[in-house]
C-alpha cells in the first residue's frame, strides 16, 4: 500500500530526494505521541498526493560569508 502512496506523491514532486525530504519534515510536524510513525508517514504521503498542483521545491537559500583576508570564502547552508 505504501508504494502506491509513494507513486502518487511522486506525481506531485518530481525529484525523489526532495520528496523524501518533504515527507520527512511533514511527518515530523504531523507526529502525535498516540499514533505510530508509520501511520503518520502514510498520512503525510496522502496529504502530498492530495495536492491539486505539483509541488515545486525551492532551493535552499545559501548565505555567503566573507572570509578573512587570507582565507577562502565559505558558503553556509541554513538547511543543514
PDB file of N, CA and C in Angstrom:
ATOM      1  N   UNK A   1       0.816  -1.186   0.000  1.00  0.00           N
ATOM      2  CA  UNK A   1       0.000   0.000   0.000  1.00  0.00           C
ATOM      3  C   UNK A   1       0.867   1.260   0.000  1.00  0.00           C
ATOM      4  N   UNK A   2       1.942   1.265   0.761  1.00  0.00           N
ATOM      5  CA  UNK A   2       2.763   2.471   0.822  1.00  0.00           C
ATOM      6  C   UNK A   2       3.394   2.769  -0.524  1.00  0.00           C
ATOM      7  N   UNK A   3       3.745   1.758  -1.284  1.00  0.00           N
ATOM      8  CA  UNK A   3       4.346   2.025  -2.588  1.00  0.00           C
ATOM      9  C   UNK A   3       3.361   2.765  -3.491  1.00  0.00           C
ATOM     10  N   UNK A   4       2.078   2.444  -3.362  1.00  0.00           N
ATOM     11  CA  UNK A   4       1.062   3.164  -4.127  1.00  0.00           C
ATOM     12  C   UNK A   4       1.016   4.629  -3.697  1.00  0.00           C
ATOM     13  N   UNK A   5       1.124   4.883  -2.388  1.00  0.00           N
ATOM     14  CA  UNK A   5       1.131   6.261  -1.883  1.00  0.00           C
ATOM     15  C   UNK A   5       2.376   7.010  -2.366  1.00  0.00           C
ATOM     16  N   UNK A   6       3.498   6.329  -2.393  1.00  0.00           N
ATOM     17  CA  UNK A   6       4.740   6.965  -2.841  1.00  0.00           C
ATOM     18  C   UNK A   6       4.640   7.322  -4.321  1.00  0.00           C
ATOM     19  N   UNK A   7       4.106   6.441  -5.123  1.00  0.00           N
ATOM     20  CA  UNK A   7       3.981   6.731  -6.558  1.00  0.00           C
ATOM     21  C   UNK A   7       3.021   7.887  -6.814  1.00  0.00           C
ATOM     22  N   UNK A   8       1.931   7.956  -6.050  1.00  0.00           N
ATOM     23  CA  UNK A   8       1.002   9.080  -6.212  1.00  0.00           C
ATOM     24  C   UNK A   8       1.640  10.390  -5.771  1.00  0.00           C
ATOM     25  N   UNK A   9       2.417  10.359  -4.684  1.00  0.00           N
ATOM     26  CA  UNK A   9       3.106  11.576  -4.222  1.00  0.00           C
ATOM     27  C   UNK A   9       4.208  11.965  -5.196  1.00  0.00           C
ATOM     28  N   UNK A  10       4.825  10.982  -5.848  1.00  0.00           N
ATOM     29  CA  UNK A  10       5.892  11.261  -6.810  1.00  0.00           C
ATOM     30  C   UNK A  10       5.356  11.987  -8.041  1.00  0.00           C
ATOM     31  N   UNK A  11       4.057  11.876  -8.301  1.00  0.00           N
ATOM     32  CA  UNK A  11       3.453  12.645  -9.392  1.00  0.00           C
ATOM     33  C   UNK A  11       3.437  14.131  -9.076  1.00  0.00           C
ATOM     34  N   UNK A  12       3.418  14.474  -7.792  1.00  0.00           N
ATOM     35  CA  UNK A  12       3.374  15.877  -7.372  1.00  0.00           C
ATOM     36  C   UNK A  12       4.755  16.479  -7.185  1.00  0.00           C
ATOM     37  N   UNK A  13       5.723  15.661  -6.748  1.00  0.00           N
ATOM     38  CA  UNK A  13       7.103  16.117  -6.536  1.00  0.00           C
ATOM     39  C   UNK A  13       7.990  15.242  -7.405  1.00  0.00           C
ATOM     40  N   UNK A  14       8.559  15.814  -8.454  1.00  0.00           N
ATOM     41  CA  UNK A  14       9.295  15.025  -9.422  1.00  0.00           C
ATOM     42  C   UNK A  14      10.640  14.520  -8.905  1.00  0.00           C
ATOM     43  N   UNK A  15      11.303  15.306  -8.083  1.00  0.00           N
ATOM     44  CA  UNK A  15      12.612  14.914  -7.576  1.00  0.00           C
ATOM     45  C   UNK A  15      12.417  14.020  -6.355  1.00  0.00           C
ATOM     46  N   UNK A  16      12.860  12.769  -6.424  1.00  0.00           N
ATOM     47  CA  UNK A  16      12.611  11.830  -5.328  1.00  0.00           C
ATOM     48  C   UNK A  16      13.349  12.197  -4.048  1.00  0.00           C
ATOM     49  N   UNK A  17      14.475  12.904  -4.161  1.00  0.00           N
ATOM     50  CA  UNK A  17      15.192  13.325  -2.961  1.00  0.00           C
ATOM     51  C   UNK A  17      14.438  14.457  -2.263  1.00  0.00           C
ATOM     52  N   UNK A  18      13.872  15.373  -3.032  1.00  0.00           N
ATOM     53  CA  UNK A  18      13.039  16.421  -2.450  1.00  0.00           C
ATOM     54  C   UNK A  18      11.771  15.822  -1.859  1.00  0.00           C
ATOM     55  N   UNK A  19      11.232  14.799  -2.498  1.00  0.00           N
ATOM     56  CA  UNK A  19      10.060  14.123  -1.963  1.00  0.00           C
ATOM     57  C   UNK A  19      10.379  13.494  -0.612  1.00  0.00           C
ATOM     58  N   UNK A  20      11.514  12.853  -0.508  1.00  0.00           N
ATOM     59  CA  UNK A  20      11.919  12.232   0.754  1.00  0.00           C
ATOM     60  C   UNK A  20      12.062  13.276   1.850  1.00  0.00           C
ATOM     61  N   UNK A  21      12.668  14.383   1.515  1.00  0.00           N
ATOM     62  CA  UNK A  21      12.847  15.455   2.493  1.00  0.00           C
ATOM     63  C   UNK A  21      11.502  16.060   2.903  1.00  0.00           C
ATOM     64  N   UNK A  22      10.613  16.232   1.945  1.00  0.00           N
ATOM     65  CA  UNK A  22       9.291  16.779   2.226  1.00  0.00           C
ATOM     66  C   UNK A  22       8.480  15.830   3.097  1.00  0.00           C
ATOM     67  N   UNK A  23       8.535  14.550   2.814  1.00  0.00           N
ATOM     68  CA  UNK A  23       7.826  13.559   3.621  1.00  0.00           C
ATOM     69  C   UNK A  23       8.370  13.546   5.041  1.00  0.00           C
ATOM     70  N   UNK A  24       9.687  13.598   5.161  1.00  0.00           N
ATOM     71  CA  UNK A  24      10.313  13.580   6.474  1.00  0.00           C
ATOM     72  C   UNK A  24       9.902  14.778   7.321  1.00  0.00           C
ATOM     73  N   UNK A  25       9.979  15.969   6.739  1.00  0.00           N
ATOM     74  CA  UNK A  25       9.615  17.161   7.509  1.00  0.00           C
ATOM     75  C   UNK A  25       8.118  17.192   7.796  1.00  0.00           C
ATOM     76  N   UNK A  26       7.304  16.748   6.852  1.00  0.00           N
ATOM     77  CA  UNK A  26       5.852  16.715   7.073  1.00  0.00           C
ATOM     78  C   UNK A  26       5.489  15.729   8.175  1.00  0.00           C
ATOM     79  N   UNK A  27       6.099  14.567   8.154  1.00  0.00           N
ATOM     80  CA  UNK A  27       5.793  13.556   9.167  1.00  0.00           C
ATOM     81  C   UNK A  27       6.221  14.025  10.554  1.00  0.00           C
ATOM     82  N   UNK A  28       7.347  14.725  10.645  1.00  0.00           N
ATOM     83  CA  UNK A  28       7.763  15.241  11.948  1.00  0.00           C
ATOM     84  C   UNK A  28       6.786  16.273  12.488  1.00  0.00           C
ATOM     85  N   UNK A  29       6.271  17.120  11.595  1.00  0.00           N
ATOM     86  CA  UNK A  29       5.318  18.145  12.033  1.00  0.00           C
ATOM     87  C   UNK A  29       3.958  17.543  12.388  1.00  0.00           C
ATOM     88  N   UNK A  30       3.591  16.462  11.721  1.00  0.00           N
ATOM     89  CA  UNK A  30       2.286  15.849  11.949  1.00  0.00           C
ATOM     90  C   UNK A  30       2.307  14.815  13.080  1.00  0.00           C
ATOM     91  N   UNK A  31       3.471  14.514  13.622  1.00  0.00           N
ATOM     92  CA  UNK A  31       3.622  13.434  14.601  1.00  0.00           C
ATOM     93  C   UNK A  31       2.831  13.720  15.878  1.00  0.00           C
ATOM     94  N   UNK A  32       2.200  12.667  16.369  1.00  0.00           N
ATOM     95  CA  UNK A  32       1.500  12.696  17.654  1.00  0.00           C
ATOM     96  C   UNK A  32       1.988  11.503  18.453  1.00  0.00           C
ATOM     97  N   UNK A  33       2.035  11.655  19.746  1.00  0.00           N
ATOM     98  CA  UNK A  33       2.585  10.583  20.579  1.00  0.00           C
ATOM     99  C   UNK A  33       1.695   9.347  20.598  1.00  0.00           C
ATOM    100  N   UNK A  34       0.400   9.486  20.343  1.00  0.00           N
ATOM    101  CA  UNK A  34      -0.508   8.346  20.422  1.00  0.00           C
ATOM    102  C   UNK A  34      -0.610   7.561  19.110  1.00  0.00           C
ATOM    103  N   UNK A  35       0.016   8.066  18.051  1.00  0.00           N
ATOM    104  CA  UNK A  35      -0.075   7.416  16.736  1.00  0.00           C
ATOM    105  C   UNK A  35       1.318   6.965  16.312  1.00  0.00           C
ATOM    106  N   UNK A  36       1.393   5.773  15.750  1.00  0.00           N
ATOM    107  CA  UNK A  36       2.672   5.254  15.287  1.00  0.00           C
ATOM    108  C   UNK A  36       3.229   6.066  14.123  1.00  0.00           C
ATOM    109  N   UNK A  37       4.543   6.090  14.024  1.00  0.00           N
ATOM    110  CA  UNK A  37       5.188   6.881  12.976  1.00  0.00           C
ATOM    111  C   UNK A  37       4.863   6.360  11.588  1.00  0.00           C
ATOM    112  N   UNK A  38       4.667   5.059  11.434  1.00  0.00           N
ATOM    113  CA  UNK A  38       4.335   4.519  10.118  1.00  0.00           C
ATOM    114  C   UNK A  38       2.974   5.039   9.635  1.00  0.00           C
ATOM    115  N   UNK A  39       2.048   5.258  10.536  1.00  0.00           N
ATOM    116  CA  UNK A  39       0.750   5.817  10.163  1.00  0.00           C
ATOM    117  C   UNK A  39       0.900   7.290   9.810  1.00  0.00           C
ATOM    118  N   UNK A  40       1.737   7.998  10.559  1.00  0.00           N
ATOM    119  CA  UNK A  40       1.967   9.419  10.289  1.00  0.00           C
ATOM    120  C   UNK A  40       2.631   9.609   8.931  1.00  0.00           C
ATOM    121  N   UNK A  41       3.559   8.736   8.571  1.00  0.00           N
ATOM    122  CA  UNK A  41       4.210   8.818   7.258  1.00  0.00           C
ATOM    123  C   UNK A  41       3.180   8.587   6.152  1.00  0.00           C
ATOM    124  N   UNK A  42       2.293   7.614   6.344  1.00  0.00           N
ATOM    125  CA  UNK A  42       1.245   7.378   5.353  1.00  0.00           C
ATOM    126  C   UNK A  42       0.330   8.595   5.213  1.00  0.00           C
ATOM    127  N   UNK A  43       0.010   9.243   6.334  1.00  0.00           N
ATOM    128  CA  UNK A  43      -0.824  10.446   6.285  1.00  0.00           C
ATOM    129  C   UNK A  43      -0.111  11.580   5.548  1.00  0.00           C
ATOM    130  N   UNK A  44       1.196  11.709   5.761  1.00  0.00           N
ATOM    131  CA  UNK A  44       1.971  12.732   5.061  1.00  0.00           C
ATOM    132  C   UNK A  44       1.984  12.453   3.557  1.00  0.00           C
ATOM    133  N   UNK A  45       2.134  11.200   3.178  1.00  0.00           N
ATOM    134  CA  UNK A  45       2.103  10.831   1.762  1.00  0.00           C
ATOM    135  C   UNK A  45       0.737  11.124   1.143  1.00  0.00           C
ATOM    136  N   UNK A  46      -0.322  10.837   1.879  1.00  0.00           N
ATOM    137  CA  UNK A  46      -1.664  11.126   1.376  1.00  0.00           C
ATOM    138  C   UNK A  46      -1.885  12.624   1.224  1.00  0.00           C
ATOM    139  N   UNK A  47      -1.361  13.406   2.168  1.00  0.00           N
ATOM    140  CA  UNK A  47      -1.509  14.860   2.090  1.00  0.00           C
ATOM    141  C   UNK A  47      -0.762  15.421   0.879  1.00  0.00           C
ATOM    142  N   UNK A  48       0.425  14.908   0.623  1.00  0.00           N
ATOM    143  CA  UNK A  48       1.216  15.373  -0.526  1.00  0.00           C
ATOM    144  C   UNK A  48       0.534  14.977  -1.829  1.00  0.00           C
ATOM    145  N   UNK A  49       0.061  13.738  -1.905  1.00  0.00           N
ATOM    146  CA  UNK A  49      -0.567  13.286  -3.148  1.00  0.00           C
ATOM    147  C   UNK A  49      -1.932  13.927  -3.354  1.00  0.00           C
ATOM    148  N   UNK A  50      -2.534  14.467  -2.325  1.00  0.00           N
ATOM    149  CA  UNK A  50      -3.831  15.105  -2.444  1.00  0.00           C
ATOM    150  C   UNK A  50      -3.772  16.544  -2.908  1.00  0.00           C
ATOM    151  N   UNK A  51      -2.572  17.093  -3.105  1.00  0.00           N
ATOM    152  CA  UNK A  51      -2.444  18.466  -3.582  1.00  0.00           C
ATOM    153  C   UNK A  51      -2.954  18.562  -5.009  1.00  0.00           C
ATOM    154  N   UNK A  52      -3.577  19.697  -5.330  1.00  0.00           N
ATOM    155  CA  UNK A  52      -4.149  19.854  -6.664  1.00  0.00           C
ATOM    156  C   UNK A  52      -3.105  20.199  -7.721  1.00  0.00           C
ATOM    157  N   UNK A  53      -2.012  20.839  -7.325  1.00  0.00           N
ATOM    158  CA  UNK A  53      -0.971  21.236  -8.274  1.00  0.00           C
ATOM    159  C   UNK A  53       0.353  20.595  -7.882  1.00  0.00           C
ATOM    160  N   UNK A  54       1.242  20.407  -8.837  1.00  0.00           N
ATOM    161  CA  UNK A  54       2.574  19.882  -8.498  1.00  0.00           C
ATOM    162  C   UNK A  54       3.291  20.790  -7.518  1.00  0.00           C
ATOM    163  N   UNK A  55       4.049  20.193  -6.633  1.00  0.00           N
ATOM    164  CA  UNK A  55       4.790  20.937  -5.627  1.00  0.00           C
ATOM    165  C   UNK A  55       6.182  21.213  -6.173  1.00  0.00           C
ATOM    166  N   UNK A  56       6.559  22.463  -6.224  1.00  0.00           N
ATOM    167  CA  UNK A  56       7.883  22.855  -6.696  1.00  0.00           C
ATOM    168  C   UNK A  56       8.695  23.250  -5.477  1.00  0.00           C
ATOM    169  N   UNK A  57       9.708  22.463  -5.178  1.00  0.00           N
ATOM    170  CA  UNK A  57      10.546  22.752  -4.020  1.00  0.00           C
ATOM    171  C   UNK A  57      11.534  23.857  -4.365  1.00  0.00           C
ATOM    172  N   UNK A  58      11.646  24.799  -3.479  1.00  0.00           N
ATOM    173  CA  UNK A  58      12.581  25.894  -3.674  1.00  0.00           C
ATOM    174  C   UNK A  58      13.975  25.455  -3.227  1.00  0.00           C
ATOM    175  N   UNK A  59      15.019  25.871  -3.940  1.00  0.00           N
ATOM    176  CA  UNK A  59      16.372  25.539  -3.489  1.00  0.00           C
ATOM    177  C   UNK A  59      16.660  26.246  -2.185  1.00  0.00           C
ATOM    178  N   UNK A  60      17.462  25.614  -1.320  1.00  0.00           N
ATOM    179  CA  UNK A  60      17.775  26.262  -0.046  1.00  0.00           C
ATOM    180  C   UNK A  60      18.534  27.570  -0.280  1.00  0.00           C
ATOM    181  N   UNK A  61      18.270  28.515   0.563  1.00  0.00           N
ATOM    182  CA  UNK A  61      18.923  29.815   0.446  1.00  0.00           C
ATOM    183  C   UNK A  61      20.321  29.721   1.055  1.00  0.00           C
ATOM    184  N   UNK A  62      21.300  29.931   0.230  1.00  0.00           N
ATOM    185  CA  UNK A  62      22.684  29.886   0.691  1.00  0.00           C
ATOM    186  C   UNK A  62      23.120  31.294   1.071  1.00  0.00           C
ATOM    187  N   UNK A  63      23.922  31.349   2.092  1.00  0.00           N
ATOM    188  CA  UNK A  63      24.433  32.632   2.571  1.00  0.00           C
ATOM    189  C   UNK A  63      25.939  32.624   2.391  1.00  0.00           C
ATOM    190  N   UNK A  64      26.448  33.621   1.714  1.00  0.00           N
ATOM    191  CA  UNK A  64      27.892  33.701   1.519  1.00  0.00           C
ATOM    192  C   UNK A  64      28.490  34.524   2.653  1.00  0.00           C
ATOM    193  N   UNK A  65      29.521  33.978   3.271  1.00  0.00           N
ATOM    194  CA  UNK A  65      30.189  34.640   4.373  1.00  0.00           C
ATOM    195  C   UNK A  65      31.556  35.099   3.889  1.00  0.00           C
ATOM    196  N   UNK A  66      31.859  36.334   4.127  1.00  0.00           N
ATOM    197  CA  UNK A  66      33.175  36.857   3.737  1.00  0.00           C
ATOM    198  C   UNK A  66      34.245  36.242   4.630  1.00  0.00           C
ATOM    199  N   UNK A  67      35.291  35.776   3.998  1.00  0.00           N
ATOM    200  CA  UNK A  67      36.381  35.128   4.714  1.00  0.00           C
ATOM    201  C   UNK A  67      37.402  36.157   5.155  1.00  0.00           C
ATOM    202  N   UNK A  68      38.260  35.769   6.076  1.00  0.00           N
ATOM    203  CA  UNK A  68      39.374  36.648   6.428  1.00  0.00           C
ATOM    204  C   UNK A  68      40.229  36.937   5.192  1.00  0.00           C
ATOM    205  N   UNK A  69      41.088  37.883   5.291  1.00  0.00           N
ATOM    206  CA  UNK A  69      41.878  38.332   4.138  1.00  0.00           C
ATOM    207  C   UNK A  69      42.624  37.204   3.445  1.00  0.00           C
ATOM    208  N   UNK A  70      43.153  36.256   4.184  1.00  0.00           N
ATOM    209  CA  UNK A  70      43.966  35.196   3.585  1.00  0.00           C
ATOM    210  C   UNK A  70      43.213  33.873   3.425  1.00  0.00           C
ATOM    211  N   UNK A  71      41.973  33.804   3.899  1.00  0.00           N
ATOM    212  CA  UNK A  71      41.255  32.527   3.873  1.00  0.00           C
ATOM    213  C   UNK A  71      40.266  32.450   2.729  1.00  0.00           C
ATOM    214  N   UNK A  72      39.742  31.251   2.482  1.00  0.00           N
ATOM    215  CA  UNK A  72      38.750  31.074   1.418  1.00  0.00           C
ATOM    216  C   UNK A  72      37.375  31.541   1.880  1.00  0.00           C
ATOM    217  N   UNK A  73      36.504  31.805   0.931  1.00  0.00           N
ATOM    218  CA  UNK A  73      35.120  32.145   1.257  1.00  0.00           C
ATOM    219  C   UNK A  73      34.352  30.853   1.522  1.00  0.00           C
ATOM    220  N   UNK A  74      33.379  30.919   2.407  1.00  0.00           N
ATOM    221  CA  UNK A  74      32.569  29.758   2.757  1.00  0.00           C
ATOM    222  C   UNK A  74      31.133  30.017   2.373  1.00  0.00           C
ATOM    223  N   UNK A  75      30.451  28.963   1.991  1.00  0.00           N
ATOM    224  CA  UNK A  75      29.031  29.034   1.713  1.00  0.00           C
ATOM    225  C   UNK A  75      28.335  28.256   2.828  1.00  0.00           C
ATOM    226  N   UNK A  76      27.467  28.915   3.565  1.00  0.00           N
ATOM    227  CA  UNK A  76      26.747  28.253   4.644  1.00  0.00           C
ATOM    228  C   UNK A  76      25.322  28.003   4.194  1.00  0.00           C
ATOM    229  N   UNK A  77      24.883  26.795   4.374  1.00  0.00           N
ATOM    230  CA  UNK A  77      23.514  26.425   4.020  1.00  0.00           C
ATOM    231  C   UNK A  77      22.710  26.339   5.310  1.00  0.00           C
ATOM    232  N   UNK A  78      21.719  27.197   5.516  1.00  0.00           N
ATOM    233  CA  UNK A  78      20.975  27.174   6.757  1.00  0.00           C
ATOM    234  C   UNK A  78      20.109  25.940   6.921  1.00  0.00           C
ATOM    235  N   UNK A  79      19.883  25.188   5.858  1.00  0.00           N
ATOM    236  CA  UNK A  79      19.062  23.988   5.959  1.00  0.00           C
ATOM    237  C   UNK A  79      19.805  22.823   6.589  1.00  0.00           C
ATOM    238  N   UNK A  80      21.100  22.924   6.688  1.00  0.00           N
ATOM    239  CA  UNK A  80      21.889  21.817   7.239  1.00  0.00           C
ATOM    240  C   UNK A  80      21.871  21.833   8.723  1.00  0.00           C
TER     241      UNK A  80
END
